[in-house]
Every structure is written in structure tokens, then in C-alpha cells.
Amino acid sequence: MKILHRLACCCALLAALPAWADASAERQRIDRERQAIEARFAAEEAACRERFVVTACVDEVKVRKRQALGGLRSQELMLDDADRKARAAARLQAIEAKRLEAQSRPPAPPQPAPVLRHPLPGASAPPRAAHAPRETEEAQAAARRAAAAERRREEAEADRAKIAAREAERQAKGKKAAPLPAQPPVPASAP
């Protein structure tokens, strides 16, 4: 059955080969024409740069160059589209061949259900007992983290209390921040 699939893929590739060769030759022709156009318009642009009115001449050369390259670009886009369509057709043929191969294959026998084994009579320890040390370590680590968080919270509360006491002491002494001295207005400079 795999041979049938491989044969279908090879046929699809062989069918696309002449089109690919034609497309490759066409792309080479387009590249040669593009290079010739680029060279011709580069020479024209260089000639424009020797004139007195450079900008208008260069702009005109660029417009003509764009028009000349536009035709080549449309041909290139048509080739790209044909390539995409050929690849899509080859892919669809490969998928169809694979589907036919899967249909011709006999169905796989059903898998037997897994057999559950009962623990041996001597093994009475629950399976979670192996995880007990790790769970204990995790619980201890969580307790340490909680204690550290509580300690940080208490320190922050003590700092807030100290700040509040200093503020209350300042207010009791009657200390207030003196306002900034008034500055004379800056005269506007004459223009």
C-alpha cells in the first residue's frame, strides 16, 4: 500500500516537472529582461544627471522604468500563481492517494483494555506513603515562607508606627515647614 502512495506522489511530481521547467525558463527570461531594463534606465538616469534640469528628467525616467517593470512583474505574478496552483494540485493528489491507501488497508484490531493489577497481599502500605517526606518538606517550606511574610508585615507596621510618632511629635512642637521666599517677577525682555 505504501508503494501505491509513493507511486501517486511520483506521478504528481513527474506531471509537474514540465511545467516547472517551463516556469524556470520563463523566470530566467524575466530576470534577463529585468536586468536589461535596469541597465538601460540606469544609463538614461546617468545621462539626465549631466543635464541642467535633472529632477524632471530623472522623474520621467523613473516613470518609464516603473511602467516597463510593471509588465514583467505581472508576468512574474502569473507564474507564481501557476506554481501555487500546481503545488496545491500535487498536494491534493498526495492527500487523495494517502486516503485511498488508508481505505484499502485492513482495519487495525481493537486494542485490549489494560489489565489492572491488584497489589500484592504483603504490600499493605498505601502508595502515597512514598510521597510523605516530600509533602512534609513542602509543608515546612510553606510554613517558613508564611512566617517570613508575617515578620515582614510586622516590621512594616512598626516602621509606620515610628513615622506616625515622629509626625505627631513634630506637630506637638509646633514645627511647620517655612514657605519659600517670594521671588520678584522676572521682567520681560524687549524684542
N, C-alpha and C. Protein backbone atom coordinates (compact mmCIF):
# COMPACT_ATOMS: atom_id res chain seq x y z
N MET A 1 0.82 -1.20 0.00
CA MET A 1 0.00 0.00 0.00
C MET A 1 0.86 1.26 0.00
N LYS A 2 1.99 1.21 0.70
CA LYS A 2 2.89 2.36 0.69
C LYS A 2 3.44 2.58 -0.71
N ILE A 3 3.59 1.51 -1.46
CA ILE A 3 4.08 1.62 -2.83
C ILE A 3 3.10 2.43 -3.66
N LEU A 4 1.80 2.19 -3.46
CA LEU A 4 0.77 2.93 -4.19
C LEU A 4 0.85 4.42 -3.86
N HIS A 5 1.05 4.72 -2.60
CA HIS A 5 1.17 6.12 -2.18
C HIS A 5 2.40 6.77 -2.81
N ARG A 6 3.53 6.07 -2.78
CA ARG A 6 4.76 6.61 -3.36
C ARG A 6 4.61 6.78 -4.87
N LEU A 7 3.95 5.82 -5.50
CA LEU A 7 3.74 5.90 -6.93
C LEU A 7 2.90 7.12 -7.29
N ALA A 8 1.85 7.39 -6.51
CA ALA A 8 1.00 8.54 -6.77
C ALA A 8 1.78 9.85 -6.58
N CYS A 9 2.63 9.91 -5.56
CA CYS A 9 3.45 11.11 -5.33
C CYS A 9 4.43 11.32 -6.48
N CYS A 10 5.05 10.23 -6.94
CA CYS A 10 5.99 10.35 -8.06
C CYS A 10 5.29 10.81 -9.32
N CYS A 11 4.10 10.27 -9.57
CA CYS A 11 3.34 10.69 -10.75
C CYS A 11 3.01 12.18 -10.68
N ALA A 12 2.62 12.65 -9.51
CA ALA A 12 2.29 14.06 -9.35
C ALA A 12 3.52 14.93 -9.60
N LEU A 13 4.68 14.47 -9.10
CA LEU A 13 5.91 15.24 -9.31
C LEU A 13 6.32 15.23 -10.79
N LEU A 14 6.19 14.07 -11.44
CA LEU A 14 6.54 13.99 -12.86
C LEU A 14 5.60 14.83 -13.71
N ALA A 15 4.34 14.90 -13.33
CA ALA A 15 3.38 15.72 -14.07
C ALA A 15 3.72 17.20 -13.92
N ALA A 16 4.22 17.59 -12.76
CA ALA A 16 4.54 18.99 -12.52
C ALA A 16 5.91 19.37 -13.07
N LEU A 17 6.75 18.39 -13.42
CA LEU A 17 8.11 18.68 -13.88
C LEU A 17 8.17 19.52 -15.15
N PRO A 18 7.40 19.18 -16.21
CA PRO A 18 7.48 20.04 -17.41
C PRO A 18 7.02 21.47 -17.13
N ALA A 19 5.99 21.61 -16.36
CA ALA A 19 5.50 22.95 -16.02
C ALA A 19 6.56 23.69 -15.21
N TRP A 20 7.25 22.98 -14.33
CA TRP A 20 8.30 23.61 -13.53
C TRP A 20 9.46 24.05 -14.42
N ALA A 21 9.83 23.19 -15.38
CA ALA A 21 10.93 23.53 -16.29
C ALA A 21 10.55 24.74 -17.14
N ASP A 22 9.30 24.77 -17.64
CA ASP A 22 8.84 25.92 -18.42
C ASP A 22 8.83 27.17 -17.55
N ALA A 23 8.37 27.04 -16.34
CA ALA A 23 8.31 28.18 -15.42
C ALA A 23 9.72 28.67 -15.09
N SER A 24 10.64 27.73 -14.93
CA SER A 24 12.02 28.12 -14.63
C SER A 24 12.63 28.89 -15.79
N ALA A 25 12.42 28.41 -17.00
CA ALA A 25 12.93 29.11 -18.18
C ALA A 25 12.28 30.48 -18.31
N GLU A 26 10.99 30.55 -18.02
CA GLU A 26 10.27 31.83 -18.11
C GLU A 26 10.80 32.80 -17.06
N ARG A 27 11.08 32.31 -15.86
CA ARG A 27 11.63 33.17 -14.81
C ARG A 27 13.02 33.69 -15.19
N GLN A 28 13.82 32.83 -15.82
CA GLN A 28 15.14 33.27 -16.27
C GLN A 28 15.01 34.36 -17.32
N ARG A 29 14.05 34.20 -18.26
CA ARG A 29 13.83 35.20 -19.28
C ARG A 29 13.41 36.52 -18.65
N ILE A 30 12.51 36.45 -17.67
CA ILE A 30 12.05 37.67 -16.99
C ILE A 30 13.22 38.34 -16.27
N ASP A 31 14.07 37.54 -15.62
CA ASP A 31 15.24 38.12 -14.93
C ASP A 31 16.18 38.81 -15.91
N ARG A 32 16.41 38.18 -17.07
CA ARG A 32 17.28 38.81 -18.08
C ARG A 32 16.68 40.11 -18.56
N GLU A 33 15.37 40.12 -18.83
CA GLU A 33 14.71 41.35 -19.28
C GLU A 33 14.77 42.43 -18.20
N ARG A 34 14.57 42.02 -16.95
CA ARG A 34 14.63 42.99 -15.85
C ARG A 34 16.01 43.61 -15.76
N GLN A 35 17.05 42.79 -15.87
CA GLN A 35 18.42 43.32 -15.81
C GLN A 35 18.68 44.28 -16.97
N ALA A 36 18.17 43.95 -18.17
CA ALA A 36 18.38 44.82 -19.33
C ALA A 36 17.66 46.16 -19.11
N ILE A 37 16.45 46.09 -18.59
CA ILE A 37 15.68 47.32 -18.32
C ILE A 37 16.39 48.16 -17.27
N GLU A 38 16.85 47.51 -16.21
CA GLU A 38 17.56 48.24 -15.14
C GLU A 38 18.80 48.93 -15.71
N ALA A 39 19.55 48.22 -16.56
CA ALA A 39 20.78 48.79 -17.12
C ALA A 39 20.44 49.97 -18.05
N ARG A 40 19.41 49.79 -18.89
CA ARG A 40 19.04 50.86 -19.82
C ARG A 40 18.61 52.11 -19.08
N PHE A 41 17.77 51.94 -18.07
CA PHE A 41 17.27 53.11 -17.35
C PHE A 41 18.34 53.71 -16.43
N ALA A 42 19.29 52.90 -15.97
CA ALA A 42 20.41 53.46 -15.20
C ALA A 42 21.25 54.37 -16.09
N ALA A 43 21.45 53.94 -17.35
CA ALA A 43 22.20 54.78 -18.29
C ALA A 43 21.45 56.08 -18.59
N GLU A 44 20.13 55.96 -18.79
CA GLU A 44 19.32 57.16 -19.04
C GLU A 44 19.36 58.11 -17.85
N GLU A 45 19.29 57.55 -16.64
CA GLU A 45 19.32 58.39 -15.44
C GLU A 45 20.69 59.07 -15.31
N ALA A 46 21.75 58.37 -15.66
CA ALA A 46 23.08 58.97 -15.61
C ALA A 46 23.17 60.11 -16.63
N ALA A 47 22.55 59.91 -17.81
CA ALA A 47 22.54 60.98 -18.81
C ALA A 47 21.74 62.17 -18.30
N CYS A 48 20.67 61.92 -17.57
CA CYS A 48 19.86 63.01 -17.01
C CYS A 48 20.68 63.84 -16.02
N ARG A 49 21.52 63.19 -15.28
CA ARG A 49 22.30 63.89 -14.25
C ARG A 49 23.32 64.87 -14.86
N GLU A 50 23.61 64.70 -16.16
CA GLU A 50 24.54 65.62 -16.83
C GLU A 50 23.82 66.86 -17.36
N ARG A 51 22.51 66.84 -17.39
CA ARG A 51 21.74 67.98 -17.90
C ARG A 51 21.60 69.05 -16.82
N PHE A 52 21.04 70.17 -17.25
CA PHE A 52 20.81 71.29 -16.34
C PHE A 52 19.59 71.02 -15.46
N VAL A 53 18.50 70.51 -16.05
CA VAL A 53 17.26 70.22 -15.32
C VAL A 53 17.26 68.73 -15.02
N VAL A 54 17.80 68.39 -13.87
CA VAL A 54 18.00 66.98 -13.52
C VAL A 54 16.72 66.33 -13.01
N THR A 55 16.01 66.97 -12.11
CA THR A 55 14.89 66.36 -11.40
C THR A 55 13.79 65.93 -12.36
N ALA A 56 13.38 66.78 -13.27
CA ALA A 56 12.30 66.43 -14.19
C ALA A 56 12.70 65.26 -15.06
N CYS A 57 13.93 65.25 -15.53
CA CYS A 57 14.41 64.16 -16.38
C CYS A 57 14.45 62.84 -15.61
N VAL A 58 14.97 62.87 -14.39
CA VAL A 58 15.05 61.66 -13.57
C VAL A 58 13.65 61.14 -13.25
N ASP A 59 12.73 62.04 -12.94
CA ASP A 59 11.35 61.62 -12.65
C ASP A 59 10.72 60.94 -13.86
N GLU A 60 10.97 61.48 -15.04
CA GLU A 60 10.41 60.90 -16.26
C GLU A 60 11.00 59.51 -16.50
N VAL A 61 12.30 59.35 -16.26
CA VAL A 61 12.95 58.05 -16.43
C VAL A 61 12.37 57.05 -15.44
N LYS A 62 12.15 57.48 -14.21
CA LYS A 62 11.60 56.58 -13.19
C LYS A 62 10.19 56.11 -13.56
N VAL A 63 9.37 57.01 -14.13
CA VAL A 63 8.01 56.64 -14.53
C VAL A 63 8.07 55.60 -15.64
N ARG A 64 8.90 55.82 -16.65
CA ARG A 64 9.00 54.86 -17.74
C ARG A 64 9.57 53.53 -17.25
N LYS A 65 10.52 53.57 -16.33
CA LYS A 65 11.10 52.34 -15.78
C LYS A 65 10.03 51.55 -15.02
N ARG A 66 9.23 52.26 -14.23
CA ARG A 66 8.17 51.60 -13.46
C ARG A 66 7.17 50.93 -14.40
N GLN A 67 6.84 51.59 -15.51
CA GLN A 67 5.90 51.01 -16.47
C GLN A 67 6.51 49.77 -17.13
N ALA A 68 7.78 49.85 -17.49
CA ALA A 68 8.43 48.71 -18.14
C ALA A 68 8.53 47.52 -17.19
N LEU A 69 8.87 47.78 -15.93
CA LEU A 69 8.98 46.70 -14.94
C LEU A 69 7.61 46.17 -14.53
N GLY A 70 6.57 47.00 -14.66
CA GLY A 70 5.22 46.56 -14.29
C GLY A 70 4.76 45.38 -15.11
N GLY A 71 5.06 45.39 -16.40
CA GLY A 71 4.68 44.26 -17.25
C GLY A 71 5.39 42.99 -16.83
N LEU A 72 6.67 43.10 -16.53
CA LEU A 72 7.42 41.93 -16.07
C LEU A 72 6.88 41.43 -14.74
N ARG A 73 6.53 42.37 -13.86
CA ARG A 73 6.00 41.98 -12.55
C ARG A 73 4.68 41.21 -12.69
N SER A 74 3.82 41.66 -13.62
CA SER A 74 2.55 40.95 -13.80
C SER A 74 2.80 39.55 -14.35
N GLN A 75 3.79 39.39 -15.25
CA GLN A 75 4.13 38.06 -15.75
C GLN A 75 4.65 37.18 -14.62
N GLU A 76 5.46 37.77 -13.77
CA GLU A 76 6.01 37.03 -12.63
C GLU A 76 4.90 36.60 -11.67
N LEU A 77 3.94 37.47 -11.45
CA LEU A 77 2.82 37.12 -10.56
C LEU A 77 1.99 35.99 -11.16
N MET A 78 1.82 35.99 -12.48
CA MET A 78 1.08 34.90 -13.13
C MET A 78 1.83 33.58 -12.96
N LEU A 79 3.16 33.61 -13.08
CA LEU A 79 3.96 32.40 -12.86
C LEU A 79 3.84 31.91 -11.42
N ASP A 80 3.90 32.85 -10.48
CA ASP A 80 3.76 32.48 -9.07
C ASP A 80 2.41 31.83 -8.81
N ASP A 81 1.37 32.40 -9.40
CA ASP A 81 0.03 31.85 -9.22
C ASP A 81 -0.05 30.44 -9.81
N ALA A 82 0.54 30.24 -11.00
CA ALA A 82 0.52 28.91 -11.61
C ALA A 82 1.31 27.92 -10.75
N ASP A 83 2.44 28.35 -10.19
CA ASP A 83 3.21 27.48 -9.30
C ASP A 83 2.40 27.09 -8.07
N ARG A 84 1.73 28.06 -7.48
CA ARG A 84 0.90 27.76 -6.30
C ARG A 84 -0.19 26.76 -6.64
N LYS A 85 -0.82 26.96 -7.79
CA LYS A 85 -1.89 26.04 -8.19
C LYS A 85 -1.34 24.64 -8.44
N ALA A 86 -0.17 24.55 -9.06
CA ALA A 86 0.43 23.23 -9.32
C ALA A 86 0.80 22.54 -8.01
N ARG A 87 1.37 23.30 -7.06
CA ARG A 87 1.70 22.70 -5.76
C ARG A 87 0.45 22.25 -5.03
N ALA A 88 -0.61 23.06 -5.10
CA ALA A 88 -1.86 22.68 -4.43
C ALA A 88 -2.44 21.42 -5.07
N ALA A 89 -2.40 21.33 -6.39
CA ALA A 89 -2.92 20.14 -7.07
C ALA A 89 -2.11 18.91 -6.69
N ALA A 90 -0.77 19.05 -6.65
CA ALA A 90 0.07 17.92 -6.26
C ALA A 90 -0.21 17.50 -4.82
N ARG A 91 -0.41 18.49 -3.96
CA ARG A 91 -0.71 18.17 -2.55
C ARG A 91 -2.06 17.46 -2.43
N LEU A 92 -3.05 17.92 -3.20
CA LEU A 92 -4.36 17.26 -3.16
C LEU A 92 -4.26 15.83 -3.68
N GLN A 93 -3.46 15.61 -4.72
CA GLN A 93 -3.28 14.25 -5.22
C GLN A 93 -2.61 13.37 -4.18
N ALA A 94 -1.61 13.91 -3.48
CA ALA A 94 -0.93 13.14 -2.43
C ALA A 94 -1.90 12.80 -1.30
N ILE A 95 -2.73 13.76 -0.94
CA ILE A 95 -3.72 13.52 0.12
C ILE A 95 -4.71 12.45 -0.31
N GLU A 96 -5.15 12.53 -1.56
CA GLU A 96 -6.11 11.55 -2.08
C GLU A 96 -5.47 10.17 -2.12
N ALA A 97 -4.21 10.08 -2.53
CA ALA A 97 -3.53 8.79 -2.57
C ALA A 97 -3.40 8.22 -1.16
N LYS A 98 -3.09 9.08 -0.21
CA LYS A 98 -2.97 8.63 1.18
C LYS A 98 -4.32 8.14 1.71
N ARG A 99 -5.39 8.85 1.34
CA ARG A 99 -6.73 8.44 1.78
C ARG A 99 -7.11 7.10 1.18
N LEU A 100 -6.80 6.91 -0.11
CA LEU A 100 -7.10 5.62 -0.76
C LEU A 100 -6.29 4.50 -0.13
N GLU A 101 -5.03 4.79 0.21
CA GLU A 101 -4.20 3.78 0.86
C GLU A 101 -4.78 3.40 2.22
N ALA A 102 -5.24 4.40 2.96
CA ALA A 102 -5.81 4.14 4.29
C ALA A 102 -7.10 3.33 4.17
N GLN A 103 -7.88 3.59 3.11
CA GLN A 103 -9.13 2.83 2.93
C GLN A 103 -8.85 1.39 2.53
N SER A 104 -7.80 1.17 1.75
CA SER A 104 -7.52 -0.18 1.28
C SER A 104 -6.85 -1.04 2.36
N ARG A 105 -6.30 -0.41 3.37
CA ARG A 105 -5.66 -1.13 4.46
C ARG A 105 -6.74 -1.77 5.34
N PRO A 106 -6.50 -3.00 5.81
CA PRO A 106 -7.48 -3.61 6.71
C PRO A 106 -7.51 -2.85 8.04
N PRO A 107 -8.68 -2.81 8.66
CA PRO A 107 -8.76 -2.07 9.93
C PRO A 107 -7.89 -2.73 10.99
N ALA A 108 -7.34 -1.93 11.85
CA ALA A 108 -6.48 -2.43 12.92
C ALA A 108 -7.34 -3.15 13.95
N PRO A 109 -6.83 -4.24 14.50
CA PRO A 109 -7.61 -4.95 15.52
C PRO A 109 -7.76 -4.07 16.76
N PRO A 110 -8.90 -4.19 17.43
CA PRO A 110 -9.10 -3.35 18.62
C PRO A 110 -8.08 -3.71 19.70
N GLN A 111 -7.64 -2.70 20.40
CA GLN A 111 -6.67 -2.88 21.47
C GLN A 111 -7.38 -3.42 22.70
N PRO A 112 -6.78 -4.41 23.35
CA PRO A 112 -7.42 -4.92 24.57
C PRO A 112 -7.34 -3.87 25.69
N ALA A 113 -8.33 -3.91 26.55
CA ALA A 113 -8.36 -2.97 27.67
C ALA A 113 -7.21 -3.31 28.62
N PRO A 114 -6.59 -2.29 29.22
CA PRO A 114 -5.48 -2.57 30.14
C PRO A 114 -5.97 -3.35 31.35
N VAL A 115 -5.14 -4.29 31.77
CA VAL A 115 -5.48 -5.12 32.93
C VAL A 115 -4.98 -4.41 34.17
N LEU A 116 -5.88 -4.20 35.14
CA LEU A 116 -5.50 -3.56 36.39
C LEU A 116 -4.97 -4.63 37.33
N ARG A 117 -3.82 -4.38 37.86
CA ARG A 117 -3.22 -5.35 38.78
C ARG A 117 -3.51 -4.93 40.21
N HIS A 118 -3.84 -5.90 41.00
CA HIS A 118 -4.10 -5.63 42.42
C HIS A 118 -2.79 -5.71 43.17
N PRO A 119 -2.65 -4.95 44.24
CA PRO A 119 -1.40 -5.00 45.00
C PRO A 119 -1.21 -6.37 45.64
N LEU A 120 0.03 -6.72 45.83
CA LEU A 120 0.34 -8.00 46.47
C LEU A 120 -0.16 -7.99 47.91
N PRO A 121 -0.50 -9.14 48.44
CA PRO A 121 -1.02 -9.18 49.80
C PRO A 121 -0.05 -8.62 50.84
N GLY A 122 1.25 -8.74 50.65
CA GLY A 122 2.22 -8.26 51.63
C GLY A 122 2.41 -6.75 51.53
N ALA A 123 2.03 -6.14 50.43
CA ALA A 123 2.23 -4.70 50.24
C ALA A 123 0.99 -3.97 50.71
N SER A 124 0.93 -3.68 51.99
CA SER A 124 -0.26 -3.03 52.54
C SER A 124 -0.10 -1.52 52.68
N ALA A 125 1.11 -1.00 52.45
CA ALA A 125 1.33 0.45 52.59
C ALA A 125 0.66 1.17 51.43
N PRO A 126 0.00 2.26 51.73
CA PRO A 126 -0.65 3.00 50.65
C PRO A 126 0.42 3.62 49.73
N PRO A 127 0.11 3.81 48.45
CA PRO A 127 1.11 4.35 47.53
C PRO A 127 1.53 5.78 47.87
N ARG A 128 0.75 6.52 48.64
CA ARG A 128 1.09 7.90 48.98
C ARG A 128 2.17 7.97 50.05
N ALA A 129 2.48 6.86 50.68
CA ALA A 129 3.49 6.86 51.74
C ALA A 129 4.86 7.25 51.18
N ALA A 130 5.12 6.93 49.93
CA ALA A 130 6.40 7.27 49.32
C ALA A 130 6.53 8.79 49.16
N HIS A 131 5.41 9.45 49.03
CA HIS A 131 5.43 10.90 48.82
C HIS A 131 5.39 11.69 50.13
N ALA A 132 5.24 11.02 51.24
CA ALA A 132 5.08 11.69 52.53
C ALA A 132 6.27 12.59 52.87
N PRO A 133 7.52 12.15 52.70
CA PRO A 133 8.64 13.05 53.05
C PRO A 133 8.64 14.32 52.20
N ARG A 134 8.33 14.19 50.93
CA ARG A 134 8.31 15.37 50.07
C ARG A 134 7.19 16.32 50.48
N GLU A 135 6.03 15.77 50.80
CA GLU A 135 4.92 16.62 51.22
C GLU A 135 5.25 17.32 52.54
N THR A 136 5.94 16.63 53.44
CA THR A 136 6.33 17.23 54.71
C THR A 136 7.30 18.37 54.46
N GLU A 137 8.27 18.16 53.56
CA GLU A 137 9.23 19.22 53.24
C GLU A 137 8.52 20.42 52.63
N GLU A 138 7.57 20.15 51.75
CA GLU A 138 6.83 21.25 51.13
C GLU A 138 6.02 22.03 52.17
N ALA A 139 5.42 21.30 53.12
CA ALA A 139 4.64 21.96 54.17
C ALA A 139 5.56 22.81 55.06
N GLN A 140 6.74 22.30 55.35
CA GLN A 140 7.69 23.07 56.18
C GLN A 140 8.14 24.32 55.43
N ALA A 141 8.42 24.18 54.14
CA ALA A 141 8.84 25.35 53.35
C ALA A 141 7.73 26.39 53.31
N ALA A 142 6.48 25.94 53.17
CA ALA A 142 5.35 26.87 53.15
C ALA A 142 5.22 27.57 54.50
N ALA A 143 5.45 26.85 55.57
CA ALA A 143 5.36 27.46 56.90
C ALA A 143 6.46 28.50 57.08
N ARG A 144 7.68 28.20 56.57
CA ARG A 144 8.76 29.18 56.67
C ARG A 144 8.44 30.44 55.86
N ARG A 145 7.88 30.25 54.69
CA ARG A 145 7.52 31.41 53.87
C ARG A 145 6.45 32.25 54.55
N ALA A 146 5.47 31.59 55.17
CA ALA A 146 4.40 32.32 55.85
C ALA A 146 4.96 33.08 57.06
N ALA A 147 5.90 32.47 57.79
CA ALA A 147 6.49 33.14 58.94
C ALA A 147 7.30 34.35 58.50
N ALA A 148 8.05 34.21 57.39
CA ALA A 148 8.83 35.33 56.88
C ALA A 148 7.91 36.46 56.43
N ALA A 149 6.81 36.14 55.79
CA ALA A 149 5.86 37.16 55.35
C ALA A 149 5.26 37.88 56.55
N GLU A 150 4.93 37.12 57.59
CA GLU A 150 4.36 37.72 58.81
C GLU A 150 5.38 38.65 59.46
N ARG A 151 6.66 38.22 59.49
CA ARG A 151 7.71 39.05 60.08
C ARG A 151 7.87 40.35 59.30
N ARG A 152 7.86 40.27 57.97
CA ARG A 152 7.97 41.48 57.15
C ARG A 152 6.78 42.41 57.37
N ARG A 153 5.59 41.83 57.53
CA ARG A 153 4.40 42.65 57.76
C ARG A 153 4.51 43.38 59.10
N GLU A 154 4.99 42.66 60.13
CA GLU A 154 5.15 43.28 61.45
C GLU A 154 6.21 44.39 61.41
N GLU A 155 7.31 44.18 60.67
CA GLU A 155 8.34 45.21 60.57
C GLU A 155 7.80 46.45 59.87
N ALA A 156 7.02 46.23 58.84
CA ALA A 156 6.44 47.36 58.12
C ALA A 156 5.48 48.12 59.03
N GLU A 157 4.70 47.41 59.82
CA GLU A 157 3.77 48.05 60.75
C GLU A 157 4.53 48.85 61.80
N ALA A 158 5.65 48.32 62.29
CA ALA A 158 6.47 49.03 63.28
C ALA A 158 7.06 50.30 62.66
N ASP A 159 7.52 50.21 61.42
CA ASP A 159 8.05 51.40 60.74
C ASP A 159 6.97 52.46 60.58
N ARG A 160 5.77 52.05 60.22
CA ARG A 160 4.67 53.02 60.08
C ARG A 160 4.36 53.69 61.42
N ALA A 161 4.42 52.89 62.51
CA ALA A 161 4.16 53.45 63.83
C ALA A 161 5.24 54.47 64.21
N LYS A 162 6.51 54.20 63.91
CA LYS A 162 7.59 55.14 64.20
C LYS A 162 7.39 56.44 63.42
N ILE A 163 7.03 56.32 62.16
CA ILE A 163 6.82 57.51 61.33
C ILE A 163 5.66 58.34 61.87
N ALA A 164 4.58 57.67 62.28
CA ALA A 164 3.43 58.39 62.83
C ALA A 164 3.81 59.08 64.12
N ALA A 165 4.63 58.43 64.98
CA ALA A 165 5.06 59.04 66.25
C ALA A 165 5.91 60.27 65.97
N ARG A 166 6.82 60.21 65.00
CA ARG A 166 7.65 61.38 64.66
C ARG A 166 6.79 62.53 64.15
N GLU A 167 5.83 62.24 63.33
CA GLU A 167 4.94 63.28 62.81
C GLU A 167 4.14 63.93 63.95
N ALA A 168 3.64 63.09 64.86
CA ALA A 168 2.88 63.61 66.00
C ALA A 168 3.78 64.49 66.87
N GLU A 169 5.02 64.07 67.08
CA GLU A 169 5.97 64.84 67.88
C GLU A 169 6.27 66.18 67.22
N ARG A 170 6.44 66.20 65.91
CA ARG A 170 6.70 67.44 65.19
C ARG A 170 5.51 68.40 65.33
N GLN A 171 4.34 67.85 65.18
CA GLN A 171 3.15 68.71 65.30
C GLN A 171 2.99 69.24 66.72
N ALA A 172 3.35 68.42 67.70
CA ALA A 172 3.24 68.85 69.09
C ALA A 172 4.23 69.98 69.39
N LYS A 173 5.38 69.95 68.80
CA LYS A 173 6.36 71.01 69.00
C LYS A 173 5.99 72.26 68.21
N GLY A 174 5.08 72.12 67.30
CA GLY A 174 4.63 73.27 66.54
C GLY A 174 5.55 73.58 65.37
N LYS A 175 6.36 72.66 64.97
CA LYS A 175 7.25 72.90 63.85
C LYS A 175 6.46 72.74 62.55
N LYS A 176 6.60 73.74 61.72
CA LYS A 176 5.97 73.69 60.41
C LYS A 176 7.02 74.07 59.40
N ALA A 177 6.87 73.62 58.24
CA ALA A 177 7.82 73.95 57.19
C ALA A 177 7.58 75.39 56.78
N ALA A 178 8.65 76.18 56.71
CA ALA A 178 8.54 77.59 56.31
C ALA A 178 8.28 77.65 54.81
N PRO A 179 7.43 78.60 54.39
CA PRO A 179 7.16 78.71 52.96
C PRO A 179 8.39 79.27 52.25
N LEU A 180 8.47 79.02 50.99
CA LEU A 180 9.59 79.53 50.20
C LEU A 180 9.50 81.04 50.09
N PRO A 181 10.63 81.74 50.05
CA PRO A 181 10.58 83.19 49.95
C PRO A 181 10.02 83.59 48.57
N ALA A 182 9.30 84.68 48.56
CA ALA A 182 8.69 85.14 47.32
C ALA A 182 9.78 85.75 46.44
N GLN A 183 9.72 85.48 45.16
CA GLN A 183 10.70 85.97 44.21
C GLN A 183 10.08 87.11 43.42
N PRO A 184 10.86 88.15 43.15
CA PRO A 184 10.30 89.23 42.33
C PRO A 184 10.03 88.73 40.92
N PRO A 185 9.04 89.29 40.25
CA PRO A 185 8.73 88.81 38.90
C PRO A 185 9.89 89.15 37.95
N VAL A 186 10.10 88.28 37.02
CA VAL A 186 11.18 88.44 36.03
C VAL A 186 10.67 89.38 34.96
N PRO A 187 11.42 90.50 34.66
CA PRO A 187 10.95 91.43 33.63
C PRO A 187 11.05 90.78 32.26
N ALA A 188 10.09 91.07 31.42
CA ALA A 188 10.07 90.55 30.07
C ALA A 188 11.11 91.26 29.25
N SER A 189 11.86 90.55 28.47
CA SER A 189 12.89 91.17 27.65
C SER A 189 12.27 91.79 26.41
N ALA A 190 12.84 92.89 25.99
CA ALA A 190 12.31 93.62 24.83
C ALA A 190 12.76 92.93 23.55
N PRO A 191 11.88 92.86 22.56
CA PRO A 191 12.25 92.17 21.32
C PRO A 191 13.18 92.99 20.46
